[in-house]
C-alpha atoms as a PDB file:
ATOM      1  CA  UNK A   1      11.262   6.951  16.360  1.00  0.00           C
ATOM      2  CA  UNK A   2      14.365   4.886  15.694  1.00  0.00           C
ATOM      3  CA  UNK A   3      16.454   3.453  18.530  1.00  0.00           C
ATOM      4  CA  UNK A   4      19.725   1.596  18.257  1.00  0.00           C
ATOM      5  CA  UNK A   5      20.123  -0.282  14.992  1.00  0.00           C
ATOM      6  CA  UNK A   6      16.936   0.994  13.386  1.00  0.00           C
ATOM      7  CA  UNK A   7      17.319   2.157   9.728  1.00  0.00           C
ATOM      8  CA  UNK A   8      16.504   5.737   8.871  1.00  0.00           C
ATOM      9  CA  UNK A   9      15.874   7.433   5.572  1.00  0.00           C
ATOM     10  CA  UNK A  10      18.422   9.785   4.133  1.00  0.00           C
ATOM     11  CA  UNK A  11      21.406   9.899   1.816  1.00  0.00           C
ATOM     12  CA  UNK A  12      23.471   7.439   3.868  1.00  0.00           C
ATOM     13  CA  UNK A  13      20.926   4.634   3.876  1.00  0.00           C
ATOM     14  CA  UNK A  14      19.993   2.233   1.135  1.00  0.00           C
ATOM     15  CA  UNK A  15      23.375   1.811  -0.525  1.00  0.00           C
ATOM     16  CA  UNK A  16      23.610  -1.447  -2.503  1.00  0.00           C
ATOM     17  CA  UNK A  17      24.678  -4.397  -0.368  1.00  0.00           C
ATOM     18  CA  UNK A  18      27.149  -7.012  -1.569  1.00  0.00           C
ATOM     19  CA  UNK A  19      25.128  -9.817   0.003  1.00  0.00           C
ATOM     20  CA  UNK A  20      23.764 -11.515  -2.287  1.00  0.00           C
ATOM     21  CA  UNK A  21       8.567 -28.036  -6.904  1.00  0.00           C
ATOM     22  CA  UNK A  22      10.693 -26.557  -9.762  1.00  0.00           C
ATOM     23  CA  UNK A  23       9.736 -28.353 -12.944  1.00  0.00           C
ATOM     24  CA  UNK A  24      11.736 -31.562 -13.290  1.00  0.00           C
ATOM     25  CA  UNK A  25      11.895 -31.135 -17.058  1.00  0.00           C
ATOM     26  CA  UNK A  26      13.723 -27.815 -16.786  1.00  0.00           C
ATOM     27  CA  UNK A  27      16.147 -29.159 -14.187  1.00  0.00           C
ATOM     28  CA  UNK A  28      16.963 -32.161 -16.341  1.00  0.00           C
ATOM     29  CA  UNK A  29      17.533 -30.119 -19.482  1.00  0.00           C
ATOM     30  CA  UNK A  30      19.555 -27.275 -18.065  1.00  0.00           C
ATOM     31  CA  UNK A  31      20.563 -27.802 -14.452  1.00  0.00           C
ATOM     32  CA  UNK A  32      20.603 -25.267 -11.628  1.00  0.00           C
ATOM     33  CA  UNK A  33      22.493 -22.008 -11.552  1.00  0.00           C
ATOM     34  CA  UNK A  34      23.663 -19.915  -8.620  1.00  0.00           C
ATOM     35  CA  UNK A  35      23.697 -16.109  -8.799  1.00  0.00           C
ATOM     36  CA  UNK A  36      26.419 -15.940  -6.169  1.00  0.00           C
ATOM     37  CA  UNK A  37      28.796 -17.647  -8.543  1.00  0.00           C
ATOM     38  CA  UNK A  38      28.351 -15.160 -11.364  1.00  0.00           C
ATOM     39  CA  UNK A  39      29.875 -11.713 -11.507  1.00  0.00           C
ATOM     40  CA  UNK A  40      28.151 -10.837 -14.782  1.00  0.00           C
ATOM     41  CA  UNK A  41      25.579  -8.042 -14.885  1.00  0.00           C
ATOM     42  CA  UNK A  42      22.285  -8.689 -16.672  1.00  0.00           C
ATOM     43  CA  UNK A  43      20.705  -5.250 -16.193  1.00  0.00           C
ATOM     44  CA  UNK A  44      22.267  -1.906 -15.379  1.00  0.00           C
ATOM     45  CA  UNK A  45      20.813   1.573 -15.353  1.00  0.00           C
ATOM     46  CA  UNK A  46      22.473   4.779 -14.193  1.00  0.00           C
ATOM     47  CA  UNK A  47      20.685   8.018 -13.358  1.00  0.00           C
ATOM     48  CA  UNK A  48      17.415   6.858 -14.926  1.00  0.00           C
ATOM     49  CA  UNK A  49      14.824   9.643 -15.291  1.00  0.00           C
ATOM     50  CA  UNK A  50      11.290   9.598 -16.689  1.00  0.00           C
ATOM     51  CA  UNK A  51       8.899  12.562 -16.576  1.00  0.00           C
ATOM     52  CA  UNK A  52       5.230  12.939 -17.464  1.00  0.00           C
ATOM     53  CA  UNK A  53       4.760  16.693 -17.608  1.00  0.00           C
ATOM     54  CA  UNK A  54       5.471  18.014 -14.127  1.00  0.00           C
ATOM     55  CA  UNK A  55       5.394  14.519 -12.615  1.00  0.00           C
ATOM     56  CA  UNK A  56       8.771  12.844 -12.151  1.00  0.00           C
ATOM     57  CA  UNK A  57       7.937   9.125 -12.226  1.00  0.00           C
ATOM     58  CA  UNK A  58      11.562   7.938 -12.074  1.00  0.00           C
ATOM     59  CA  UNK A  59      14.028  10.247 -10.389  1.00  0.00           C
ATOM     60  CA  UNK A  60      17.712   9.447 -11.002  1.00  0.00           C
ATOM     61  CA  UNK A  61      17.395   5.729 -10.321  1.00  0.00           C
ATOM     62  CA  UNK A  62      20.506   3.523 -10.266  1.00  0.00           C
ATOM     63  CA  UNK A  63      20.128  -0.246 -10.521  1.00  0.00           C
ATOM     64  CA  UNK A  64      22.231  -3.343 -11.136  1.00  0.00           C
ATOM     65  CA  UNK A  65      20.904  -6.891 -11.534  1.00  0.00           C
ATOM     66  CA  UNK A  66      23.310  -9.814 -11.605  1.00  0.00           C
ATOM     67  CA  UNK A  67      23.047 -12.685 -14.040  1.00  0.00           C
ATOM     68  CA  UNK A  68      21.149 -15.622 -12.568  1.00  0.00           C
ATOM     69  CA  UNK A  69      19.403 -13.797  -9.730  1.00  0.00           C
ATOM     70  CA  UNK A  70      15.818 -12.813  -9.090  1.00  0.00           C
ATOM     71  CA  UNK A  71      15.673  -9.102  -8.359  1.00  0.00           C
ATOM     72  CA  UNK A  72      12.525  -7.458  -7.066  1.00  0.00           C
ATOM     73  CA  UNK A  73      11.335  -3.866  -7.251  1.00  0.00           C
ATOM     74  CA  UNK A  74       9.174  -3.379  -4.195  1.00  0.00           C
ATOM     75  CA  UNK A  75       6.981  -0.393  -3.458  1.00  0.00           C
ATOM     76  CA  UNK A  76       3.461   1.063  -3.403  1.00  0.00           C
ATOM     77  CA  UNK A  77       1.383   1.912  -6.448  1.00  0.00           C
ATOM     78  CA  UNK A  78       2.759   5.058  -8.051  1.00  0.00           C
ATOM     79  CA  UNK A  79       6.301   4.505  -6.767  1.00  0.00           C
ATOM     80  CA  UNK A  80       7.728   4.234 -10.302  1.00  0.00           C
ATOM     81  CA  UNK A  81       8.176   0.451 -10.448  1.00  0.00           C
ATOM     82  CA  UNK A  82       6.204  -0.164 -13.648  1.00  0.00           C
ATOM     83  CA  UNK A  83       7.698   2.852 -15.407  1.00  0.00           C
ATOM     84  CA  UNK A  84      11.202   1.617 -14.535  1.00  0.00           C
ATOM     85  CA  UNK A  85      10.576  -1.912 -15.750  1.00  0.00           C
ATOM     86  CA  UNK A  86       8.952  -0.690 -18.978  1.00  0.00           C
ATOM     87  CA  UNK A  87      12.064   1.377 -19.719  1.00  0.00           C
ATOM     88  CA  UNK A  88      14.238  -1.692 -19.084  1.00  0.00           C
ATOM     89  CA  UNK A  89      11.965  -3.691 -21.421  1.00  0.00           C
ATOM     90  CA  UNK A  90      12.399  -1.143 -24.199  1.00  0.00           C
ATOM     91  CA  UNK A  91       8.724  -0.125 -24.125  1.00  0.00           C
ATOM     92  CA  UNK A  92       9.427   3.432 -22.944  1.00  0.00           C
ATOM     93  CA  UNK A  93      12.260   5.812 -23.713  1.00  0.00           C
ATOM     94  CA  UNK A  94      13.887   7.450 -20.681  1.00  0.00           C
ATOM     95  CA  UNK A  95      14.258  11.213 -20.433  1.00  0.00           C
ATOM     96  CA  UNK A  96      17.662  10.811 -18.863  1.00  0.00           C
ATOM     97  CA  UNK A  97      20.217   8.233 -17.802  1.00  0.00           C
ATOM     98  CA  UNK A  98      21.643   5.118 -19.410  1.00  0.00           C
ATOM     99  CA  UNK A  99      20.233   1.590 -19.702  1.00  0.00           C
ATOM    100  CA  UNK A 100      22.110  -1.595 -20.536  1.00  0.00           C
ATOM    101  CA  UNK A 101      20.381  -4.983 -20.786  1.00  0.00           C
ATOM    102  CA  UNK A 102      22.371  -8.197 -21.303  1.00  0.00           C
ATOM    103  CA  UNK A 103      25.339  -6.036 -22.249  1.00  0.00           C
ATOM    104  CA  UNK A 104      23.366  -4.340 -25.042  1.00  0.00           C
ATOM    105  CA  UNK A 105      21.496  -1.066 -25.530  1.00  0.00           C
ATOM    106  CA  UNK A 106      18.017  -0.597 -26.939  1.00  0.00           C
ATOM    107  CA  UNK A 107      19.249   2.199 -29.194  1.00  0.00           C
ATOM    108  CA  UNK A 108      21.323  -0.123 -31.385  1.00  0.00           C
ATOM    109  CA  UNK A 109      20.411  -3.750 -30.545  1.00  0.00           C
ATOM    110  CA  UNK A 110      16.626  -3.779 -30.146  1.00  0.00           C
ATOM    111  CA  UNK A 111      16.017  -6.866 -32.330  1.00  0.00           C
ATOM    112  CA  UNK A 112      18.612  -8.966 -30.534  1.00  0.00           C
ATOM    113  CA  UNK A 113      17.326  -7.898 -27.130  1.00  0.00           C
ATOM    114  CA  UNK A 114      13.729  -8.803 -28.008  1.00  0.00           C
ATOM    115  CA  UNK A 115      14.948 -12.280 -28.970  1.00  0.00           C
ATOM    116  CA  UNK A 116      16.582 -12.729 -25.557  1.00  0.00           C
ATOM    117  CA  UNK A 117      14.004 -11.368 -23.112  1.00  0.00           C
ATOM    118  CA  UNK A 118      10.537 -12.446 -22.027  1.00  0.00           C
ATOM    119  CA  UNK A 119       7.910 -10.006 -20.750  1.00  0.00           C
ATOM    120  CA  UNK A 120       4.762 -10.427 -18.705  1.00  0.00           C
ATOM    121  CA  UNK A 121       3.005  -7.086 -18.476  1.00  0.00           C
ATOM    122  CA  UNK A 122       0.977  -5.922 -15.499  1.00  0.00           C
ATOM    123  CA  UNK A 123      -2.157  -6.359 -17.626  1.00  0.00           C
ATOM    124  CA  UNK A 124      -1.839  -8.792 -20.526  1.00  0.00           C
ATOM    125  CA  UNK A 125      -4.671  -8.585 -23.048  1.00  0.00           C
ATOM    126  CA  UNK A 126      -4.748 -11.726 -25.192  1.00  0.00           C
ATOM    127  CA  UNK A 127      -7.220 -12.443 -28.005  1.00  0.00           C
ATOM    128  CA  UNK A 128     -10.235 -14.032 -26.340  1.00  0.00           C
ATOM    129  CA  UNK A 129     -11.322 -16.079 -29.377  1.00  0.00           C
ATOM    130  CA  UNK A 130      -7.960 -17.799 -29.821  1.00  0.00           C
ATOM    131  CA  UNK A 131      -7.377 -21.091 -28.043  1.00  0.00           C
ATOM    132  CA  UNK A 132      -4.547 -21.597 -25.559  1.00  0.00           C
ATOM    133  CA  UNK A 133      -2.571 -23.617 -28.126  1.00  0.00           C
ATOM    134  CA  UNK A 134      -3.128 -21.053 -30.881  1.00  0.00           C
ATOM    135  CA  UNK A 135      -1.967 -18.251 -28.582  1.00  0.00           C
ATOM    136  CA  UNK A 136       1.251 -20.028 -27.639  1.00  0.00           C
ATOM    137  CA  UNK A 137       1.896 -20.988 -31.266  1.00  0.00           C
ATOM    138  CA  UNK A 138       1.424 -17.342 -32.303  1.00  0.00           C
ATOM    139  CA  UNK A 139       3.919 -16.069 -29.753  1.00  0.00           C
ATOM    140  CA  UNK A 140       6.386 -18.855 -30.619  1.00  0.00           C
ATOM    141  CA  UNK A 141       6.369 -17.605 -34.237  1.00  0.00           C
ATOM    142  CA  UNK A 142       7.868 -14.294 -33.091  1.00  0.00           C
ATOM    143  CA  UNK A 143      11.189 -15.887 -32.118  1.00  0.00           C
ATOM    144  CA  UNK A 144      13.994 -17.555 -34.051  1.00  0.00           C
ATOM    145  CA  UNK A 145      14.652 -19.948 -31.190  1.00  0.00           C
ATOM    146  CA  UNK A 146      12.521 -21.276 -28.383  1.00  0.00           C
ATOM    147  CA  UNK A 147      10.652 -24.155 -26.803  1.00  0.00           C
ATOM    148  CA  UNK A 148       8.077 -26.283 -28.560  1.00  0.00           C
ATOM    149  CA  UNK A 149       4.406 -25.573 -28.019  1.00  0.00           C
ATOM    150  CA  UNK A 150       4.031 -28.986 -26.350  1.00  0.00           C
ATOM    151  CA  UNK A 151       6.858 -28.263 -23.925  1.00  0.00           C
ATOM    152  CA  UNK A 152       5.397 -24.899 -22.971  1.00  0.00           C
ATOM    153  CA  UNK A 153       1.904 -26.345 -22.467  1.00  0.00           C
ATOM    154  CA  UNK A 154       3.394 -28.954 -20.143  1.00  0.00           C
ATOM    155  CA  UNK A 155       5.526 -26.391 -18.338  1.00  0.00           C
ATOM    156  CA  UNK A 156       2.562 -24.171 -17.428  1.00  0.00           C
ATOM    157  CA  UNK A 157       0.223 -27.158 -16.909  1.00  0.00           C
ATOM    158  CA  UNK A 158      -2.338 -26.113 -19.483  1.00  0.00           C
ATOM    159  CA  UNK A 159      -2.381 -29.284 -21.605  1.00  0.00           C
ATOM    160  CA  UNK A 160      -6.023 -29.961 -20.771  1.00  0.00           C
ATOM    161  CA  UNK A 161      -6.951 -26.381 -21.769  1.00  0.00           C
ATOM    162  CA  UNK A 162      -5.129 -26.392 -25.100  1.00  0.00           C
ATOM    163  CA  UNK A 163      -8.376 -26.127 -27.146  1.00  0.00           C
ATOM    164  CA  UNK A 164     -10.107 -23.741 -24.736  1.00  0.00           C
ATOM    165  CA  UNK A 165     -10.703 -20.142 -25.764  1.00  0.00           C
ATOM    166  CA  UNK A 166      -8.664 -17.633 -23.775  1.00  0.00           C
ATOM    167  CA  UNK A 167     -11.857 -15.837 -22.781  1.00  0.00           C
ATOM    168  CA  UNK A 168     -13.016 -18.966 -20.922  1.00  0.00           C
ATOM    169  CA  UNK A 169      -9.928 -19.379 -18.755  1.00  0.00           C
ATOM    170  CA  UNK A 170      -9.881 -18.576 -15.065  1.00  0.00           C
ATOM    171  CA  UNK A 171      -7.766 -15.711 -13.761  1.00  0.00           C
ATOM    172  CA  UNK A 172      -4.986 -18.051 -12.663  1.00  0.00           C
ATOM    173  CA  UNK A 173      -5.007 -19.903 -15.989  1.00  0.00           C
ATOM    174  CA  UNK A 174      -4.767 -16.591 -17.879  1.00  0.00           C
ATOM    175  CA  UNK A 175      -1.747 -15.599 -15.789  1.00  0.00           C
ATOM    176  CA  UNK A 176      -0.063 -18.928 -16.525  1.00  0.00           C
ATOM    177  CA  UNK A 177      -0.803 -18.442 -20.227  1.00  0.00           C
ATOM    178  CA  UNK A 178       0.686 -14.940 -20.116  1.00  0.00           C
ATOM    179  CA  UNK A 179       3.774 -16.417 -18.474  1.00  0.00           C
ATOM    180  CA  UNK A 180       3.888 -19.110 -21.158  1.00  0.00           C
ATOM    181  CA  UNK A 181       3.958 -16.382 -23.820  1.00  0.00           C
ATOM    182  CA  UNK A 182       6.876 -14.763 -21.979  1.00  0.00           C
ATOM    183  CA  UNK A 183       8.777 -18.065 -21.748  1.00  0.00           C
ATOM    184  CA  UNK A 184       8.131 -19.453 -25.240  1.00  0.00           C
ATOM    185  CA  UNK A 185      11.213 -17.764 -26.746  1.00  0.00           C
ATOM    186  CA  UNK A 186      13.517 -19.438 -24.183  1.00  0.00           C
ATOM    187  CA  UNK A 187      14.658 -16.039 -22.820  1.00  0.00           C
ATOM    188  CA  UNK A 188      17.816 -15.316 -20.859  1.00  0.00           C
ATOM    189  CA  UNK A 189      16.026 -12.577 -18.915  1.00  0.00           C
ATOM    190  CA  UNK A 190      12.419 -12.515 -17.726  1.00  0.00           C
ATOM    191  CA  UNK A 191      10.533  -9.334 -16.762  1.00  0.00           C
ATOM    192  CA  UNK A 192       7.435  -9.810 -14.588  1.00  0.00           C
ATOM    193  CA  UNK A 193       5.287  -6.828 -13.619  1.00  0.00           C
ATOM    194  CA  UNK A 194       3.017  -7.685 -10.652  1.00  0.00           C
ATOM    195  CA  UNK A 195       2.718 -11.289 -11.906  1.00  0.00           C
ATOM    196  CA  UNK A 196       0.270 -12.531  -9.253  1.00  0.00           C
ATOM    197  CA  UNK A 197      -1.942  -9.515  -8.524  1.00  0.00           C
ATOM    198  CA  UNK A 198      -5.539 -10.599  -7.987  1.00  0.00           C
ATOM    199  CA  UNK A 199      -4.796 -14.326  -7.919  1.00  0.00           C
ATOM    200  CA  UNK A 200      -5.969 -16.736  -5.237  1.00  0.00           C
ATOM    201  CA  UNK A 201      -3.248 -18.345  -3.061  1.00  0.00           C
ATOM    202  CA  UNK A 202      -3.187 -21.599  -5.047  1.00  0.00           C
ATOM    203  CA  UNK A 203      -2.792 -19.812  -8.400  1.00  0.00           C
ATOM    204  CA  UNK A 204      -0.144 -17.536  -6.895  1.00  0.00           C
ATOM    205  CA  UNK A 205       1.907 -20.528  -5.759  1.00  0.00           C
ATOM    206  CA  UNK A 206       1.611 -22.080  -9.227  1.00  0.00           C
ATOM    207  CA  UNK A 207       3.119 -18.931 -10.774  1.00  0.00           C
ATOM    208  CA  UNK A 208       5.872 -18.920  -8.139  1.00  0.00           C
ATOM    209  CA  UNK A 209       6.807 -22.490  -9.056  1.00  0.00           C
ATOM    210  CA  UNK A 210       7.127 -21.507 -12.723  1.00  0.00           C
ATOM    211  CA  UNK A 211       9.416 -18.610 -11.821  1.00  0.00           C
ATOM    212  CA  UNK A 212      11.515 -20.884  -9.605  1.00  0.00           C
ATOM    213  CA  UNK A 213      11.773 -23.408 -12.446  1.00  0.00           C
ATOM    214  CA  UNK A 214      13.033 -20.671 -14.782  1.00  0.00           C
ATOM    215  CA  UNK A 215      15.603 -19.689 -12.141  1.00  0.00           C
ATOM    216  CA  UNK A 216      16.675 -23.305 -11.729  1.00  0.00           C
ATOM    217  CA  UNK A 217      17.858 -23.418 -15.330  1.00  0.00           C
ATOM    218  CA  UNK A 218      19.934 -20.271 -14.932  1.00  0.00           C
ATOM    219  CA  UNK A 219      17.513 -17.555 -16.003  1.00  0.00           C
ATOM    220  CA  UNK A 220      17.538 -14.024 -14.616  1.00  0.00           C
ATOM    221  CA  UNK A 221      14.300 -12.466 -13.316  1.00  0.00           C
ATOM    222  CA  UNK A 222      13.330  -8.851 -12.669  1.00  0.00           C
ATOM    223  CA  UNK A 223       9.913  -8.491 -11.079  1.00  0.00           C
ATOM    224  CA  UNK A 224       7.770  -5.844  -9.456  1.00  0.00           C
ATOM    225  CA  UNK A 225       5.481  -6.723  -6.584  1.00  0.00           C
ATOM    226  CA  UNK A 226       3.809  -5.371  -3.474  1.00  0.00           C
ATOM    227  CA  UNK A 227       3.337  -8.822  -1.941  1.00  0.00           C
ATOM    228  CA  UNK A 228       5.779  -9.315   0.924  1.00  0.00           C
ATOM    229  CA  UNK A 229       5.589 -13.107   0.851  1.00  0.00           C
ATOM    230  CA  UNK A 230       6.256 -13.123  -2.896  1.00  0.00           C
ATOM    231  CA  UNK A 231       9.362 -10.953  -2.579  1.00  0.00           C
ATOM    232  CA  UNK A 232      10.684 -12.956   0.374  1.00  0.00           C
ATOM    233  CA  UNK A 233      10.199 -16.292  -1.401  1.00  0.00           C
ATOM    234  CA  UNK A 234      11.387 -15.457  -4.920  1.00  0.00           C
ATOM    235  CA  UNK A 235      13.948 -12.655  -4.657  1.00  0.00           C
ATOM    236  CA  UNK A 236      17.658 -12.876  -3.936  1.00  0.00           C
ATOM    237  CA  UNK A 237      17.681  -9.095  -3.579  1.00  0.00           C
ATOM    238  CA  UNK A 238      15.050  -6.378  -3.578  1.00  0.00           C
ATOM    239  CA  UNK A 239      15.125  -2.634  -4.067  1.00  0.00           C
ATOM    240  CA  UNK A 240      12.535  -0.640  -2.141  1.00  0.00           C
ATOM    241  CA  UNK A 241      11.299   2.124  -4.426  1.00  0.00           C
ATOM    242  CA  UNK A 242       9.503   5.250  -3.247  1.00  0.00           C
ATOM    243  CA  UNK A 243       8.674   8.311  -5.358  1.00  0.00           C
ATOM    244  CA  UNK A 244      10.891   7.170  -8.204  1.00  0.00           C
ATOM    245  CA  UNK A 245      13.990   6.551  -6.100  1.00  0.00           C
ATOM    246  CA  UNK A 246      15.573   3.480  -4.537  1.00  0.00           C
ATOM    247  CA  UNK A 247      15.646   4.114  -0.790  1.00  0.00           C
ATOM    248  CA  UNK A 248      17.106   0.755   0.271  1.00  0.00           C
ATOM    249  CA  UNK A 249      18.255  -2.489  -1.296  1.00  0.00           C
ATOM    250  CA  UNK A 250      19.688  -5.831  -0.292  1.00  0.00           C
ATOM    251  CA  UNK A 251      18.492  -9.349   0.408  1.00  0.00           C
ATOM    252  CA  UNK A 252      15.083  -9.571   2.113  1.00  0.00           C
ATOM    253  CA  UNK A 253      16.676 -11.133   5.187  1.00  0.00           C
ATOM    254  CA  UNK A 254      19.302  -8.415   5.527  1.00  0.00           C
ATOM    255  CA  UNK A 255      16.839  -5.573   5.045  1.00  0.00           C
ATOM    256  CA  UNK A 256      14.613  -7.051   7.733  1.00  0.00           C
ATOM    257  CA  UNK A 257      17.627  -7.575  10.000  1.00  0.00           C
ATOM    258  CA  UNK A 258      18.522  -3.894   9.559  1.00  0.00           C
ATOM    259  CA  UNK A 259      15.510  -3.064  11.740  1.00  0.00           C
ATOM    260  CA  UNK A 260      17.496  -4.450  14.666  1.00  0.00           C
ATOM    261  CA  UNK A 261      14.687  -6.699  15.900  1.00  0.00           C
ATOM    262  CA  UNK A 262      12.957  -9.856  14.733  1.00  0.00           C
ATOM    263  CA  UNK A 263       9.430  -8.961  15.836  1.00  0.00           C
ATOM    264  CA  UNK A 264       6.947  -6.089  15.723  1.00  0.00           C
ATOM    265  CA  UNK A 265       4.477  -5.425  18.540  1.00  0.00           C
ATOM    266  CA  UNK A 266       1.474  -3.225  17.716  1.00  0.00           C
ATOM    267  CA  UNK A 267      -0.842  -1.877  20.409  1.00  0.00           C
ATOM    268  CA  UNK A 268      -3.441   0.797  21.176  1.00  0.00           C
ATOM    269  CA  UNK A 269      -4.673   2.157  24.506  1.00  0.00           C
ATOM    270  CA  UNK A 270      -7.586   3.995  26.069  1.00  0.00           C
ATOM    271  CA  UNK A 271      -7.529   6.464  28.934  1.00  0.00           C
ATOM    272  CA  UNK A 272      -4.848   7.106  31.549  1.00  0.00           C
ATOM    273  CA  UNK A 273      -1.845   9.160  30.550  1.00  0.00           C
ATOM    274  CA  UNK A 274      -2.040   7.748  27.032  1.00  0.00           C
ATOM    275  CA  UNK A 275       0.767   6.174  25.057  1.00  0.00           C
ATOM    276  CA  UNK A 276       4.295   6.732  26.375  1.00  0.00           C
ATOM    277  CA  UNK A 277       6.532   8.841  24.172  1.00  0.00           C
ATOM    278  CA  UNK A 278       8.689   6.899  21.688  1.00  0.00           C
ATOM    279  CA  UNK A 279      11.838   7.848  23.608  1.00  0.00           C
ATOM    280  CA  UNK A 280      10.344   6.265  26.742  1.00  0.00           C
ATOM    281  CA  UNK A 281       9.221   3.155  24.889  1.00  0.00           C
ATOM    282  CA  UNK A 282      12.730   2.695  23.548  1.00  0.00           C
ATOM    283  CA  UNK A 283      13.970   2.413  27.133  1.00  0.00           C
ATOM    284  CA  UNK A 284      11.864  -0.697  27.737  1.00  0.00           C
ATOM    285  CA  UNK A 285      13.785  -4.001  27.773  1.00  0.00           C
ATOM    286  CA  UNK A 286      14.179  -5.512  24.311  1.00  0.00           C
ATOM    287  CA  UNK A 287      12.654  -2.559  22.421  1.00  0.00           C
ATOM    288  CA  UNK A 288      14.707  -1.351  19.447  1.00  0.00           C
ATOM    289  CA  UNK A 289      12.391   1.199  17.831  1.00  0.00           C
ATOM    290  CA  UNK A 290       8.985   2.864  18.264  1.00  0.00           C
ATOM    291  CA  UNK A 291       6.604   4.747  16.004  1.00  0.00           C
ATOM    292  CA  UNK A 292       2.940   5.771  16.037  1.00  0.00           C
ATOM    293  CA  UNK A 293       0.481   5.637  13.130  1.00  0.00           C
ATOM    294  CA  UNK A 294      -3.318   5.826  12.856  1.00  0.00           C
ATOM    295  CA  UNK A 295      -3.911   5.558  16.587  1.00  0.00           C
ATOM    296  CA  UNK A 296      -1.638   2.534  17.019  1.00  0.00           C
ATOM    297  CA  UNK A 297       1.917   2.303  18.244  1.00  0.00           C
ATOM    298  CA  UNK A 298       4.436  -0.113  16.721  1.00  0.00           C
ATOM    299  CA  UNK A 299       7.491  -1.403  18.551  1.00  0.00           C
ATOM    300  CA  UNK A 300      10.388  -3.232  16.927  1.00  0.00           C
ATOM    301  CA  UNK A 301      11.631  -5.726  19.499  1.00  0.00           C
ATOM    302  CA  UNK A 302      14.260  -8.426  19.894  1.00  0.00           C
ATOM    303  CA  UNK A 303      12.339 -10.661  22.296  1.00  0.00           C
ATOM    304  CA  UNK A 304       8.561 -10.557  22.529  1.00  0.00           C
ATOM    305  CA  UNK A 305       8.522 -12.364  25.881  1.00  0.00           C
ATOM    306  CA  UNK A 306      10.691  -9.627  27.386  1.00  0.00           C
ATOM    307  CA  UNK A 307       9.226  -6.550  25.715  1.00  0.00           C
ATOM    308  CA  UNK A 308       5.501  -7.283  26.147  1.00  0.00           C
ATOM    309  CA  UNK A 309       5.513  -7.723  29.957  1.00  0.00           C
ATOM    310  CA  UNK A 310       7.588  -4.544  30.292  1.00  0.00           C
ATOM    311  CA  UNK A 311       5.130  -2.700  28.029  1.00  0.00           C
ATOM    312  CA  UNK A 312       2.103  -3.919  30.011  1.00  0.00           C
ATOM    313  CA  UNK A 313       3.731  -2.858  33.271  1.00  0.00           C
ATOM    314  CA  UNK A 314       4.447   0.615  31.884  1.00  0.00           C
ATOM    315  CA  UNK A 315       0.865   1.043  30.646  1.00  0.00           C
ATOM    316  CA  UNK A 316      -0.503  -0.108  33.998  1.00  0.00           C
ATOM    317  CA  UNK A 317       1.724   2.392  35.790  1.00  0.00           C
ATOM    318  CA  UNK A 318       0.215   5.141  33.627  1.00  0.00           C
ATOM    319  CA  UNK A 319      -3.344   3.916  34.161  1.00  0.00           C
ATOM    320  CA  UNK A 320      -3.816   3.268  30.435  1.00  0.00           C
ATOM    321  CA  UNK A 321      -6.183   0.480  29.377  1.00  0.00           C
ATOM    322  CA  UNK A 322      -4.904  -1.781  26.608  1.00  0.00           C
ATOM    323  CA  UNK A 323      -7.419  -1.698  23.728  1.00  0.00           C
ATOM    324  CA  UNK A 324      -5.587  -4.058  21.388  1.00  0.00           C
ATOM    325  CA  UNK A 325      -2.258  -5.849  21.001  1.00  0.00           C
ATOM    326  CA  UNK A 326      -0.776  -8.030  18.254  1.00  0.00           C
ATOM    327  CA  UNK A 327       2.661  -9.323  17.314  1.00  0.00           C
ATOM    328  CA  UNK A 328       4.227 -10.544  14.074  1.00  0.00           C
ATOM    329  CA  UNK A 329       7.619 -11.356  12.658  1.00  0.00           C
ATOM    330  CA  UNK A 330       9.252  -8.319  11.064  1.00  0.00           C
ATOM    331  CA  UNK A 331       8.684  -8.095   7.294  1.00  0.00           C
ATOM    332  CA  UNK A 332       9.712  -5.963   4.326  1.00  0.00           C
ATOM    333  CA  UNK A 333       6.533  -3.982   4.964  1.00  0.00           C
ATOM    334  CA  UNK A 334       7.983  -2.953   8.335  1.00  0.00           C
ATOM    335  CA  UNK A 335      11.227  -1.905   6.641  1.00  0.00           C
ATOM    336  CA  UNK A 336       9.275   0.315   4.237  1.00  0.00           C
ATOM    337  CA  UNK A 337       7.233   1.878   7.052  1.00  0.00           C
ATOM    338  CA  UNK A 338      10.391   2.511   9.058  1.00  0.00           C
ATOM    339  CA  UNK A 339      11.957   4.310   6.095  1.00  0.00           C
ATOM    340  CA  UNK A 340       8.953   6.304   4.898  1.00  0.00           C
ATOM    341  CA  UNK A 341       6.338   6.386   7.654  1.00  0.00           C
ATOM    342  CA  UNK A 342       3.811   4.945   5.164  1.00  0.00           C
ATOM    343  CA  UNK A 343       2.619   1.472   4.307  1.00  0.00           C
ATOM    344  CA  UNK A 344       3.270  -0.133   0.931  1.00  0.00           C
ATOM    345  CA  UNK A 345      -0.405  -0.188   0.052  1.00  0.00           C
ATOM    346  CA  UNK A 346      -0.969   3.482   0.948  1.00  0.00           C
ATOM    347  CA  UNK A 347      -0.007   4.390  -2.657  1.00  0.00           C
END
């Protein structure tokens, strides 16, 4: 149950907000770029619709990505993220709405757009019997302009694997190679669909550094992810997608701040009068919002040191025995749960 300052779902919420290491080689060659300083639009879609029979995968979605920013589509599996990004990439045709990428349309400028974008698919299948160098050289041949094979190998730190078959690379090395293939044409706009799914933490950070390096030279990134840490680190703005619609968007910090509290307290009880009603929990000092899910109750709070003692006193008064209690800083996951009542990984 929401209390003061807690976001709720509905037509009034989720309107676009106006708020808006790296490889040394890229910094030296191109210099940094700031999305706040650019009013240009890299990607725009209005009323986007995609159906598969009776299933509406994308349902009237509106989106605008500014030049030079990293924009994330955040949501559970089946939310419509991949379908949306594949339409933006020109891989799927929409059933309704309009799409504009880098000021152009796929209907009349497909060749030019393919020269100016880079794509890393959710699952990239590369020829296993080609070497790393042969794969990059093949993809470089598709573009009129682009980086040298040597520069790309250095950028993704695969120089020592240049003569290794793709089939013998680790999962993290394959992801870096897939990113190399997306970057080899020196794109203005980079699409990344779940770029670090299944990677270990070290490999994930390596991919993040490559994305940050691309940003540092002024590139624009559109990515899909369900990793909260990834979205918070890489994205200037995110759009939370659920059932083919954007239900909220803004910077990660501002979406989290919209909860009204910096922390989340989760607890469960046994016996006594049970868990107090959400309206009663919201009366406790420092508590902004309350909700129950799967036998646990979640409180959004301003100050843990104020809210927890008050909660314990209330449970003791009711004769309830605390079975478990944990706290964490509020995240984008908490924003999604507050809006939908489901977790991002529920699908």
